[in-house]
Amino acid sequence: MTRIYPIVEGHGEVGAVPALIRRVNQALPSPLWSLTVEAPLRRSADRLKAGELEKEVQLATKKLRGQPGGILVLLDCEDDCPATLGPQLLARARTVTHLPLGLALAYREFESWFMAVAETLIPGAQPFGQFEARRDAKGWLTQQMGQKYSEQVHQERFTAQMDLPLARARSDSLDKCAREIEFLIDALRSAAE
């Protein structure tokens, strides 16, 4: 058995990120069938960015107890520049683990990815043109749905239902996240051989 420990920031990501990892794995030409996605470790992005990332990576490393596995960190970058913040966080995380490690940032917020393929998730909705430039994706989704968007109710379900190839084609940050997951799975496969 090969395991991935995700580190996430929001309540909705606790269910959504494992679903995303499983979807990306299943879409591979040769999925890693022995892959188990563990319950994510969750901390606020502010705390992770301010210095607790290393503690969470160490905790995930310890939980793997020397068994085959890796770590995926997935955070919203909000107003930060992903091209700057991502490498900084990855360098910090790599100082405290020897395990395969992936790090991805949703540009603005995880829900931005749903805006990119809204027509595949919400009847009658159209994708929002400049979805990654917009703040408050949750508010936009609420308007489109005609009911309050809830991370804990909708995020995992939308992650499981969205047209993943279309979403990757429309969203650079989702494509980068999926490539990080693929890289992590490849590294775990190589380590197991």
N, C-alpha and C. Protein backbone atom coordinates (compact mmCIF):
# COMPACT_ATOMS: atom_id res chain seq x y z
N MET A 1 0.84 -1.18 0.00
CA MET A 1 0.00 0.00 0.00
C MET A 1 0.89 1.25 0.00
N THR A 2 0.55 2.21 -0.86
CA THR A 2 1.26 3.47 -0.95
C THR A 2 0.28 4.56 -0.54
N ARG A 3 0.74 5.48 0.29
CA ARG A 3 -0.18 6.48 0.85
C ARG A 3 0.26 7.91 0.52
N ILE A 4 -0.73 8.76 0.36
CA ILE A 4 -0.50 10.20 0.24
C ILE A 4 -1.22 10.87 1.40
N TYR A 5 -0.48 11.74 2.08
CA TYR A 5 -1.08 12.59 3.12
C TYR A 5 -1.23 13.99 2.55
N PRO A 6 -2.46 14.44 2.35
CA PRO A 6 -2.65 15.83 1.94
C PRO A 6 -2.58 16.77 3.16
N ILE A 7 -2.12 17.97 2.91
CA ILE A 7 -2.18 19.05 3.88
C ILE A 7 -2.99 20.16 3.22
N VAL A 8 -4.09 20.54 3.86
CA VAL A 8 -5.03 21.49 3.27
C VAL A 8 -5.38 22.57 4.28
N GLU A 9 -6.13 23.57 3.83
CA GLU A 9 -6.47 24.67 4.71
C GLU A 9 -7.94 24.73 5.11
N GLY A 10 -8.85 24.28 4.28
CA GLY A 10 -10.27 24.48 4.56
C GLY A 10 -11.00 23.20 4.89
N HIS A 11 -12.17 23.38 5.51
CA HIS A 11 -13.01 22.23 5.86
C HIS A 11 -13.45 21.47 4.60
N GLY A 12 -13.80 22.21 3.54
CA GLY A 12 -14.24 21.56 2.31
C GLY A 12 -13.17 20.75 1.64
N GLU A 13 -11.92 21.21 1.76
CA GLU A 13 -10.81 20.49 1.13
C GLU A 13 -10.54 19.14 1.77
N VAL A 14 -11.00 18.95 3.00
CA VAL A 14 -10.79 17.68 3.68
C VAL A 14 -11.41 16.53 2.88
N GLY A 15 -12.54 16.76 2.26
CA GLY A 15 -13.14 15.75 1.40
C GLY A 15 -12.78 15.92 -0.06
N ALA A 16 -12.63 17.18 -0.50
CA ALA A 16 -12.42 17.46 -1.92
C ALA A 16 -11.04 17.07 -2.42
N VAL A 17 -10.00 17.31 -1.63
CA VAL A 17 -8.64 17.02 -2.11
C VAL A 17 -8.41 15.52 -2.28
N PRO A 18 -8.83 14.67 -1.34
CA PRO A 18 -8.70 13.23 -1.62
C PRO A 18 -9.47 12.81 -2.88
N ALA A 19 -10.65 13.40 -3.10
CA ALA A 19 -11.41 13.08 -4.31
C ALA A 19 -10.63 13.51 -5.56
N LEU A 20 -10.00 14.67 -5.50
CA LEU A 20 -9.21 15.16 -6.64
C LEU A 20 -8.00 14.25 -6.88
N ILE A 21 -7.31 13.86 -5.84
CA ILE A 21 -6.16 12.97 -5.99
C ILE A 21 -6.59 11.65 -6.63
N ARG A 22 -7.69 11.08 -6.14
CA ARG A 22 -8.17 9.82 -6.71
C ARG A 22 -8.56 9.98 -8.18
N ARG A 23 -9.21 11.10 -8.53
CA ARG A 23 -9.60 11.33 -9.93
C ARG A 23 -8.39 11.46 -10.83
N VAL A 24 -7.39 12.20 -10.39
CA VAL A 24 -6.18 12.36 -11.21
C VAL A 24 -5.49 11.01 -11.37
N ASN A 25 -5.40 10.23 -10.30
CA ASN A 25 -4.78 8.91 -10.37
C ASN A 25 -5.54 8.01 -11.36
N GLN A 26 -6.86 8.00 -11.27
CA GLN A 26 -7.67 7.14 -12.15
C GLN A 26 -7.58 7.55 -13.61
N ALA A 27 -7.28 8.83 -13.87
CA ALA A 27 -7.17 9.30 -15.25
C ALA A 27 -5.81 8.99 -15.88
N LEU A 28 -4.87 8.54 -15.07
CA LEU A 28 -3.55 8.19 -15.60
C LEU A 28 -3.64 6.97 -16.51
N PRO A 29 -2.78 6.88 -17.52
CA PRO A 29 -2.79 5.69 -18.38
C PRO A 29 -2.55 4.41 -17.58
N SER A 30 -1.77 4.52 -16.53
CA SER A 30 -1.50 3.38 -15.67
C SER A 30 -1.65 3.82 -14.21
N PRO A 31 -2.89 3.79 -13.68
CA PRO A 31 -3.12 4.27 -12.32
C PRO A 31 -2.34 3.44 -11.29
N LEU A 32 -2.04 4.08 -10.18
CA LEU A 32 -1.38 3.40 -9.07
C LEU A 32 -2.50 2.79 -8.21
N TRP A 33 -2.77 1.50 -8.43
CA TRP A 33 -3.92 0.86 -7.79
C TRP A 33 -3.73 0.68 -6.30
N SER A 34 -2.50 0.67 -5.82
CA SER A 34 -2.26 0.49 -4.39
C SER A 34 -2.32 1.81 -3.61
N LEU A 35 -2.75 2.89 -4.27
CA LEU A 35 -2.74 4.21 -3.64
C LEU A 35 -3.89 4.38 -2.65
N THR A 36 -3.54 4.83 -1.45
CA THR A 36 -4.52 5.20 -0.43
C THR A 36 -4.30 6.67 -0.10
N VAL A 37 -5.38 7.44 -0.11
CA VAL A 37 -5.30 8.85 0.26
C VAL A 37 -5.80 8.97 1.70
N GLU A 38 -4.91 9.40 2.57
CA GLU A 38 -5.24 9.52 3.99
C GLU A 38 -6.09 10.77 4.25
N ALA A 39 -6.73 10.80 5.41
CA ALA A 39 -7.49 11.98 5.81
C ALA A 39 -6.53 13.17 5.90
N PRO A 40 -6.86 14.26 5.24
CA PRO A 40 -5.94 15.40 5.23
C PRO A 40 -5.69 16.01 6.60
N LEU A 41 -4.50 16.56 6.75
CA LEU A 41 -4.17 17.39 7.89
C LEU A 41 -4.62 18.80 7.52
N ARG A 42 -5.33 19.48 8.41
CA ARG A 42 -5.89 20.79 8.07
C ARG A 42 -5.41 21.87 9.04
N ARG A 43 -4.91 22.96 8.46
CA ARG A 43 -4.51 24.15 9.21
C ARG A 43 -4.84 25.36 8.35
N SER A 44 -5.07 26.48 8.97
CA SER A 44 -5.38 27.69 8.19
C SER A 44 -4.18 28.07 7.33
N ALA A 45 -4.47 28.63 6.16
CA ALA A 45 -3.40 29.04 5.25
C ALA A 45 -2.50 30.07 5.90
N ASP A 46 -3.09 30.99 6.66
CA ASP A 46 -2.27 32.00 7.33
C ASP A 46 -1.25 31.36 8.27
N ARG A 47 -1.68 30.36 9.03
CA ARG A 47 -0.76 29.68 9.94
C ARG A 47 0.30 28.89 9.18
N LEU A 48 -0.10 28.25 8.09
CA LEU A 48 0.87 27.49 7.30
C LEU A 48 1.89 28.42 6.66
N LYS A 49 1.41 29.52 6.10
CA LYS A 49 2.32 30.47 5.46
C LYS A 49 3.24 31.14 6.47
N ALA A 50 2.75 31.28 7.70
CA ALA A 50 3.52 31.99 8.73
C ALA A 50 4.52 31.11 9.46
N GLY A 51 4.58 29.83 9.16
CA GLY A 51 5.61 29.02 9.80
C GLY A 51 5.19 27.64 10.25
N GLU A 52 3.90 27.33 10.19
CA GLU A 52 3.47 26.01 10.65
C GLU A 52 3.47 24.95 9.56
N LEU A 53 3.81 25.33 8.35
CA LEU A 53 3.88 24.35 7.26
C LEU A 53 4.87 23.25 7.61
N GLU A 54 6.02 23.64 8.12
CA GLU A 54 7.05 22.64 8.45
C GLU A 54 6.54 21.65 9.49
N LYS A 55 5.81 22.12 10.49
CA LYS A 55 5.26 21.22 11.53
C LYS A 55 4.30 20.22 10.92
N GLU A 56 3.45 20.67 10.01
CA GLU A 56 2.48 19.76 9.39
C GLU A 56 3.16 18.75 8.48
N VAL A 57 4.18 19.18 7.75
CA VAL A 57 4.93 18.25 6.90
C VAL A 57 5.64 17.21 7.77
N GLN A 58 6.22 17.64 8.88
CA GLN A 58 6.86 16.70 9.81
C GLN A 58 5.84 15.71 10.36
N LEU A 59 4.64 16.19 10.70
CA LEU A 59 3.61 15.32 11.23
C LEU A 59 3.19 14.28 10.19
N ALA A 60 2.99 14.71 8.95
CA ALA A 60 2.63 13.76 7.88
C ALA A 60 3.73 12.74 7.67
N THR A 61 4.98 13.19 7.72
CA THR A 61 6.12 12.28 7.57
C THR A 61 6.11 11.24 8.69
N LYS A 62 5.86 11.69 9.90
CA LYS A 62 5.82 10.78 11.06
C LYS A 62 4.68 9.78 10.93
N LYS A 63 3.52 10.23 10.47
CA LYS A 63 2.35 9.35 10.34
C LYS A 63 2.59 8.23 9.32
N LEU A 64 3.45 8.48 8.35
CA LEU A 64 3.75 7.44 7.37
C LEU A 64 4.63 6.34 7.94
N ARG A 65 5.29 6.60 9.04
CA ARG A 65 6.09 5.59 9.78
C ARG A 65 7.01 4.78 8.88
N GLY A 66 7.67 5.45 7.96
CA GLY A 66 8.63 4.76 7.12
C GLY A 66 8.03 3.91 6.02
N GLN A 67 6.70 3.89 5.90
CA GLN A 67 6.05 3.13 4.83
C GLN A 67 6.04 3.97 3.54
N PRO A 68 5.85 3.33 2.38
CA PRO A 68 5.84 4.09 1.14
C PRO A 68 4.75 5.16 1.15
N GLY A 69 5.14 6.37 0.81
CA GLY A 69 4.15 7.43 0.78
C GLY A 69 4.76 8.78 0.46
N GLY A 70 3.87 9.73 0.29
CA GLY A 70 4.28 11.09 -0.01
C GLY A 70 3.28 12.07 0.56
N ILE A 71 3.55 13.33 0.31
CA ILE A 71 2.76 14.42 0.89
C ILE A 71 2.38 15.38 -0.22
N LEU A 72 1.12 15.83 -0.20
CA LEU A 72 0.66 16.87 -1.11
C LEU A 72 0.13 18.04 -0.29
N VAL A 73 0.69 19.21 -0.51
CA VAL A 73 0.21 20.43 0.12
C VAL A 73 -0.60 21.19 -0.92
N LEU A 74 -1.85 21.53 -0.58
CA LEU A 74 -2.71 22.28 -1.49
C LEU A 74 -3.38 23.41 -0.72
N LEU A 75 -3.08 24.63 -1.13
CA LEU A 75 -3.62 25.82 -0.47
C LEU A 75 -4.18 26.79 -1.50
N ASP A 76 -5.06 27.68 -1.05
CA ASP A 76 -5.48 28.81 -1.86
C ASP A 76 -4.39 29.86 -1.77
N CYS A 77 -4.07 30.48 -2.89
CA CYS A 77 -3.04 31.53 -2.82
C CYS A 77 -3.65 32.90 -2.57
N GLU A 78 -4.99 33.00 -2.66
CA GLU A 78 -5.69 34.27 -2.42
C GLU A 78 -5.08 35.36 -3.30
N ASP A 79 -4.51 36.40 -2.70
CA ASP A 79 -3.95 37.50 -3.48
C ASP A 79 -2.44 37.39 -3.68
N ASP A 80 -1.84 36.32 -3.16
CA ASP A 80 -0.40 36.12 -3.34
C ASP A 80 -0.11 35.69 -4.77
N CYS A 81 1.08 35.92 -5.21
CA CYS A 81 1.51 35.48 -6.53
C CYS A 81 1.92 34.01 -6.42
N PRO A 82 1.24 33.09 -7.12
CA PRO A 82 1.59 31.68 -7.01
C PRO A 82 3.00 31.37 -7.47
N ALA A 83 3.50 32.11 -8.45
CA ALA A 83 4.85 31.86 -8.96
C ALA A 83 5.92 32.22 -7.94
N THR A 84 5.59 33.07 -6.98
CA THR A 84 6.51 33.44 -5.91
C THR A 84 6.27 32.59 -4.67
N LEU A 85 5.00 32.52 -4.25
CA LEU A 85 4.66 31.82 -3.01
C LEU A 85 4.92 30.31 -3.12
N GLY A 86 4.57 29.70 -4.24
CA GLY A 86 4.72 28.26 -4.39
C GLY A 86 6.14 27.77 -4.16
N PRO A 87 7.12 28.31 -4.87
CA PRO A 87 8.51 27.87 -4.66
C PRO A 87 9.01 28.13 -3.23
N GLN A 88 8.57 29.24 -2.62
CA GLN A 88 8.98 29.52 -1.24
C GLN A 88 8.45 28.45 -0.29
N LEU A 89 7.16 28.13 -0.41
CA LEU A 89 6.57 27.12 0.47
C LEU A 89 7.18 25.74 0.21
N LEU A 90 7.39 25.40 -1.05
CA LEU A 90 7.98 24.10 -1.38
C LEU A 90 9.38 23.98 -0.81
N ALA A 91 10.18 25.01 -0.92
CA ALA A 91 11.55 24.97 -0.37
C ALA A 91 11.51 24.79 1.14
N ARG A 92 10.60 25.47 1.81
CA ARG A 92 10.47 25.31 3.26
C ARG A 92 10.06 23.89 3.62
N ALA A 93 9.08 23.35 2.91
CA ALA A 93 8.59 22.00 3.21
C ALA A 93 9.67 20.95 2.97
N ARG A 94 10.47 21.13 1.94
CA ARG A 94 11.51 20.14 1.62
C ARG A 94 12.61 20.09 2.68
N THR A 95 12.74 21.12 3.50
CA THR A 95 13.78 21.10 4.54
C THR A 95 13.46 20.13 5.66
N VAL A 96 12.21 19.64 5.75
CA VAL A 96 11.84 18.81 6.90
C VAL A 96 11.36 17.41 6.54
N THR A 97 11.47 17.02 5.26
CA THR A 97 11.08 15.66 4.89
C THR A 97 11.95 15.15 3.76
N HIS A 98 12.11 13.85 3.74
CA HIS A 98 12.84 13.18 2.66
C HIS A 98 11.85 12.53 1.68
N LEU A 99 10.57 12.60 2.00
CA LEU A 99 9.54 11.93 1.21
C LEU A 99 9.22 12.69 -0.07
N PRO A 100 8.68 11.97 -1.08
CA PRO A 100 8.17 12.69 -2.25
C PRO A 100 7.13 13.72 -1.81
N LEU A 101 7.22 14.91 -2.37
CA LEU A 101 6.41 16.03 -1.90
C LEU A 101 5.91 16.83 -3.09
N GLY A 102 4.63 17.13 -3.09
CA GLY A 102 4.05 18.00 -4.11
C GLY A 102 3.41 19.19 -3.43
N LEU A 103 3.44 20.33 -4.09
CA LEU A 103 2.81 21.52 -3.56
C LEU A 103 2.10 22.24 -4.69
N ALA A 104 0.83 22.58 -4.46
CA ALA A 104 0.04 23.29 -5.46
C ALA A 104 -0.76 24.38 -4.79
N LEU A 105 -0.97 25.45 -5.55
CA LEU A 105 -1.76 26.58 -5.07
C LEU A 105 -2.92 26.81 -6.02
N ALA A 106 -4.12 26.83 -5.47
CA ALA A 106 -5.27 27.22 -6.27
C ALA A 106 -5.21 28.73 -6.43
N TYR A 107 -5.19 29.21 -7.66
CA TYR A 107 -5.11 30.65 -7.86
C TYR A 107 -6.42 31.26 -7.37
N ARG A 108 -6.29 32.17 -6.45
CA ARG A 108 -7.37 32.78 -5.68
C ARG A 108 -7.92 31.76 -4.69
N GLU A 109 -8.77 30.84 -5.16
CA GLU A 109 -9.37 29.87 -4.24
C GLU A 109 -9.77 28.61 -5.00
N PHE A 110 -9.91 27.52 -4.26
CA PHE A 110 -10.26 26.22 -4.83
C PHE A 110 -11.51 26.34 -5.69
N GLU A 111 -12.49 27.09 -5.21
CA GLU A 111 -13.77 27.21 -5.92
C GLU A 111 -13.64 27.90 -7.27
N SER A 112 -12.54 28.60 -7.51
CA SER A 112 -12.31 29.20 -8.83
C SER A 112 -12.33 28.12 -9.91
N TRP A 113 -11.86 26.94 -9.56
CA TRP A 113 -11.85 25.83 -10.52
C TRP A 113 -13.27 25.45 -10.93
N PHE A 114 -14.22 25.56 -10.01
CA PHE A 114 -15.61 25.25 -10.34
C PHE A 114 -16.19 26.31 -11.27
N MET A 115 -15.78 27.58 -11.08
CA MET A 115 -16.25 28.65 -11.95
C MET A 115 -15.84 28.39 -13.40
N ALA A 116 -14.68 27.77 -13.58
CA ALA A 116 -14.16 27.51 -14.93
C ALA A 116 -15.02 26.52 -15.70
N VAL A 117 -15.70 25.64 -15.00
CA VAL A 117 -16.52 24.62 -15.65
C VAL A 117 -17.92 24.58 -15.05
N ALA A 118 -18.44 25.75 -14.74
CA ALA A 118 -19.74 25.85 -14.06
C ALA A 118 -20.84 25.11 -14.82
N GLU A 119 -20.77 25.14 -16.15
CA GLU A 119 -21.82 24.48 -16.93
C GLU A 119 -21.85 22.97 -16.72
N THR A 120 -20.78 22.37 -16.23
CA THR A 120 -20.76 20.92 -15.97
C THR A 120 -21.27 20.60 -14.56
N LEU A 121 -21.51 21.63 -13.76
CA LEU A 121 -21.88 21.42 -12.36
C LEU A 121 -23.25 21.97 -11.98
N ILE A 122 -23.65 23.07 -12.61
CA ILE A 122 -24.87 23.78 -12.22
C ILE A 122 -25.74 23.96 -13.46
N PRO A 123 -26.94 23.39 -13.47
CA PRO A 123 -27.80 23.55 -14.64
C PRO A 123 -28.04 25.03 -14.98
N GLY A 124 -27.84 25.36 -16.23
CA GLY A 124 -28.07 26.72 -16.69
C GLY A 124 -26.93 27.70 -16.47
N ALA A 125 -25.91 27.29 -15.76
CA ALA A 125 -24.79 28.20 -15.49
C ALA A 125 -23.86 28.26 -16.69
N GLN A 126 -23.18 29.38 -16.80
CA GLN A 126 -22.15 29.57 -17.81
C GLN A 126 -20.83 29.78 -17.09
N PRO A 127 -19.72 29.33 -17.66
CA PRO A 127 -18.44 29.57 -16.99
C PRO A 127 -18.18 31.06 -16.89
N PHE A 128 -17.56 31.47 -15.81
CA PHE A 128 -17.23 32.87 -15.60
C PHE A 128 -15.96 33.17 -16.37
N GLY A 129 -16.01 34.14 -17.28
CA GLY A 129 -14.91 34.43 -18.20
C GLY A 129 -13.54 34.58 -17.56
N GLN A 130 -13.39 35.51 -16.68
CA GLN A 130 -12.10 35.77 -16.02
C GLN A 130 -12.14 35.20 -14.60
N PHE A 131 -12.43 33.92 -14.49
CA PHE A 131 -12.70 33.32 -13.19
C PHE A 131 -11.53 33.44 -12.21
N GLU A 132 -10.30 33.37 -12.68
CA GLU A 132 -9.18 33.44 -11.74
C GLU A 132 -8.88 34.87 -11.30
N ALA A 133 -9.46 35.85 -11.97
CA ALA A 133 -9.27 37.24 -11.55
C ALA A 133 -10.30 37.65 -10.50
N ARG A 134 -11.36 36.91 -10.40
CA ARG A 134 -12.46 37.26 -9.50
C ARG A 134 -12.20 36.76 -8.08
N ARG A 135 -12.56 37.58 -7.13
CA ARG A 135 -12.58 37.17 -5.72
C ARG A 135 -14.00 36.72 -5.41
N ASP A 136 -14.17 35.99 -4.35
CA ASP A 136 -15.49 35.53 -3.88
C ASP A 136 -16.15 34.55 -4.84
N ALA A 137 -15.43 33.52 -5.18
CA ALA A 137 -16.00 32.47 -6.03
C ALA A 137 -17.20 31.82 -5.34
N LYS A 138 -17.16 31.71 -4.03
CA LYS A 138 -18.28 31.11 -3.29
C LYS A 138 -19.55 31.93 -3.49
N GLY A 139 -19.43 33.27 -3.47
CA GLY A 139 -20.58 34.13 -3.71
C GLY A 139 -21.14 33.96 -5.11
N TRP A 140 -20.24 33.86 -6.10
CA TRP A 140 -20.68 33.66 -7.48
C TRP A 140 -21.39 32.32 -7.62
N LEU A 141 -20.83 31.28 -7.02
CA LEU A 141 -21.48 29.96 -7.08
C LEU A 141 -22.85 30.00 -6.42
N THR A 142 -22.96 30.70 -5.31
CA THR A 142 -24.26 30.85 -4.63
C THR A 142 -25.28 31.48 -5.58
N GLN A 143 -24.89 32.53 -6.28
CA GLN A 143 -25.80 33.18 -7.24
C GLN A 143 -26.21 32.21 -8.34
N GLN A 144 -25.26 31.47 -8.88
CA GLN A 144 -25.56 30.55 -9.98
C GLN A 144 -26.46 29.40 -9.54
N MET A 145 -26.26 28.94 -8.32
CA MET A 145 -27.01 27.79 -7.82
C MET A 145 -28.40 28.17 -7.33
N GLY A 146 -28.59 29.43 -6.94
CA GLY A 146 -29.86 29.84 -6.37
C GLY A 146 -30.02 29.35 -4.94
N GLN A 147 -28.94 28.93 -4.35
CA GLN A 147 -28.90 28.52 -2.94
C GLN A 147 -27.49 28.74 -2.43
N LYS A 148 -27.33 28.78 -1.13
CA LYS A 148 -26.02 29.08 -0.55
C LYS A 148 -25.02 27.96 -0.86
N TYR A 149 -23.90 28.35 -1.43
CA TYR A 149 -22.79 27.41 -1.62
C TYR A 149 -22.16 27.14 -0.26
N SER A 150 -21.94 25.88 0.05
CA SER A 150 -21.30 25.49 1.31
C SER A 150 -20.11 24.59 0.99
N GLU A 151 -18.93 24.98 1.49
CA GLU A 151 -17.74 24.15 1.27
C GLU A 151 -17.99 22.71 1.69
N GLN A 152 -18.57 22.54 2.86
CA GLN A 152 -18.72 21.19 3.41
C GLN A 152 -19.78 20.38 2.68
N VAL A 153 -20.71 21.03 2.02
CA VAL A 153 -21.76 20.32 1.29
C VAL A 153 -21.39 20.13 -0.18
N HIS A 154 -20.84 21.17 -0.82
CA HIS A 154 -20.67 21.15 -2.27
C HIS A 154 -19.26 20.86 -2.77
N GLN A 155 -18.23 21.18 -2.02
CA GLN A 155 -16.87 21.13 -2.57
C GLN A 155 -16.45 19.72 -2.99
N GLU A 156 -16.66 18.74 -2.15
CA GLU A 156 -16.29 17.37 -2.54
C GLU A 156 -17.15 16.88 -3.70
N ARG A 157 -18.44 17.17 -3.65
CA ARG A 157 -19.34 16.72 -4.72
C ARG A 157 -18.96 17.36 -6.05
N PHE A 158 -18.70 18.67 -6.06
CA PHE A 158 -18.32 19.34 -7.30
C PHE A 158 -16.97 18.82 -7.81
N THR A 159 -16.06 18.53 -6.91
CA THR A 159 -14.76 17.98 -7.32
C THR A 159 -14.94 16.63 -8.01
N ALA A 160 -15.84 15.82 -7.48
CA ALA A 160 -16.09 14.50 -8.06
C ALA A 160 -16.84 14.59 -9.40
N GLN A 161 -17.63 15.66 -9.59
CA GLN A 161 -18.48 15.76 -10.77
C GLN A 161 -17.91 16.60 -11.91
N MET A 162 -16.99 17.52 -11.59
CA MET A 162 -16.55 18.45 -12.65
C MET A 162 -15.85 17.70 -13.78
N ASP A 163 -15.95 18.27 -14.98
CA ASP A 163 -15.27 17.73 -16.15
C ASP A 163 -13.79 18.05 -15.97
N LEU A 164 -13.03 17.10 -15.47
CA LEU A 164 -11.64 17.34 -15.12
C LEU A 164 -10.77 17.72 -16.33
N PRO A 165 -10.86 17.04 -17.46
CA PRO A 165 -10.04 17.47 -18.60
C PRO A 165 -10.37 18.91 -19.04
N LEU A 166 -11.64 19.26 -19.05
CA LEU A 166 -12.04 20.61 -19.44
C LEU A 166 -11.55 21.62 -18.41
N ALA A 167 -11.69 21.29 -17.14
CA ALA A 167 -11.22 22.19 -16.08
C ALA A 167 -9.72 22.41 -16.17
N ARG A 168 -8.98 21.35 -16.44
CA ARG A 168 -7.52 21.48 -16.59
C ARG A 168 -7.17 22.35 -17.79
N ALA A 169 -7.93 22.21 -18.87
CA ALA A 169 -7.66 23.01 -20.06
C ALA A 169 -7.94 24.50 -19.82
N ARG A 170 -8.91 24.79 -18.98
CA ARG A 170 -9.30 26.19 -18.75
C ARG A 170 -8.56 26.85 -17.59
N SER A 171 -8.07 26.06 -16.66
CA SER A 171 -7.46 26.63 -15.46
C SER A 171 -6.00 26.20 -15.35
N ASP A 172 -5.11 27.16 -15.49
CA ASP A 172 -3.68 26.85 -15.35
C ASP A 172 -3.36 26.33 -13.96
N SER A 173 -3.99 26.90 -12.92
CA SER A 173 -3.64 26.46 -11.57
C SER A 173 -4.16 25.06 -11.28
N LEU A 174 -5.32 24.69 -11.83
CA LEU A 174 -5.79 23.31 -11.65
C LEU A 174 -4.90 22.35 -12.42
N ASP A 175 -4.51 22.74 -13.63
CA ASP A 175 -3.61 21.88 -14.40
C ASP A 175 -2.29 21.69 -13.66
N LYS A 176 -1.77 22.77 -13.07
CA LYS A 176 -0.52 22.67 -12.28
C LYS A 176 -0.72 21.74 -11.10
N CYS A 177 -1.86 21.85 -10.42
CA CYS A 177 -2.15 20.97 -9.29
C CYS A 177 -2.19 19.51 -9.75
N ALA A 178 -2.89 19.25 -10.85
CA ALA A 178 -2.98 17.88 -11.36
C ALA A 178 -1.61 17.34 -11.75
N ARG A 179 -0.76 18.21 -12.34
CA ARG A 179 0.59 17.77 -12.69
C ARG A 179 1.41 17.47 -11.44
N GLU A 180 1.21 18.24 -10.37
CA GLU A 180 1.89 17.94 -9.10
C GLU A 180 1.45 16.59 -8.56
N ILE A 181 0.17 16.30 -8.66
CA ILE A 181 -0.35 15.00 -8.20
C ILE A 181 0.24 13.88 -9.06
N GLU A 182 0.27 14.08 -10.38
CA GLU A 182 0.85 13.07 -11.27
C GLU A 182 2.33 12.85 -10.96
N PHE A 183 3.06 13.94 -10.74
CA PHE A 183 4.48 13.85 -10.38
C PHE A 183 4.65 13.06 -9.09
N LEU A 184 3.83 13.35 -8.10
CA LEU A 184 3.90 12.66 -6.81
C LEU A 184 3.60 11.17 -6.99
N ILE A 185 2.59 10.84 -7.76
CA ILE A 185 2.26 9.44 -8.01
C ILE A 185 3.40 8.74 -8.74
N ASP A 186 3.99 9.39 -9.73
CA ASP A 186 5.14 8.80 -10.44
C ASP A 186 6.31 8.55 -9.49
N ALA A 187 6.57 9.52 -8.60
CA ALA A 187 7.67 9.35 -7.64
C ALA A 187 7.38 8.19 -6.69
N LEU A 188 6.12 8.05 -6.29
CA LEU A 188 5.76 6.93 -5.39
C LEU A 188 5.86 5.60 -6.12
N ARG A 189 5.47 5.58 -7.39
CA ARG A 189 5.57 4.35 -8.19
C ARG A 189 7.04 3.95 -8.35
N SER A 190 7.90 4.92 -8.65
CA SER A 190 9.33 4.64 -8.81
C SER A 190 9.96 4.15 -7.52
N ALA A 191 9.56 4.73 -6.41
CA ALA A 191 10.11 4.31 -5.11
C ALA A 191 9.68 2.90 -4.76
N ALA A 192 8.50 2.49 -5.24
CA ALA A 192 7.98 1.15 -4.92
C ALA A 192 8.62 0.08 -5.79
N GLU A 193 9.22 0.45 -6.92
CA GLU A 193 9.79 -0.54 -7.84
C GLU A 193 11.16 -1.00 -7.42
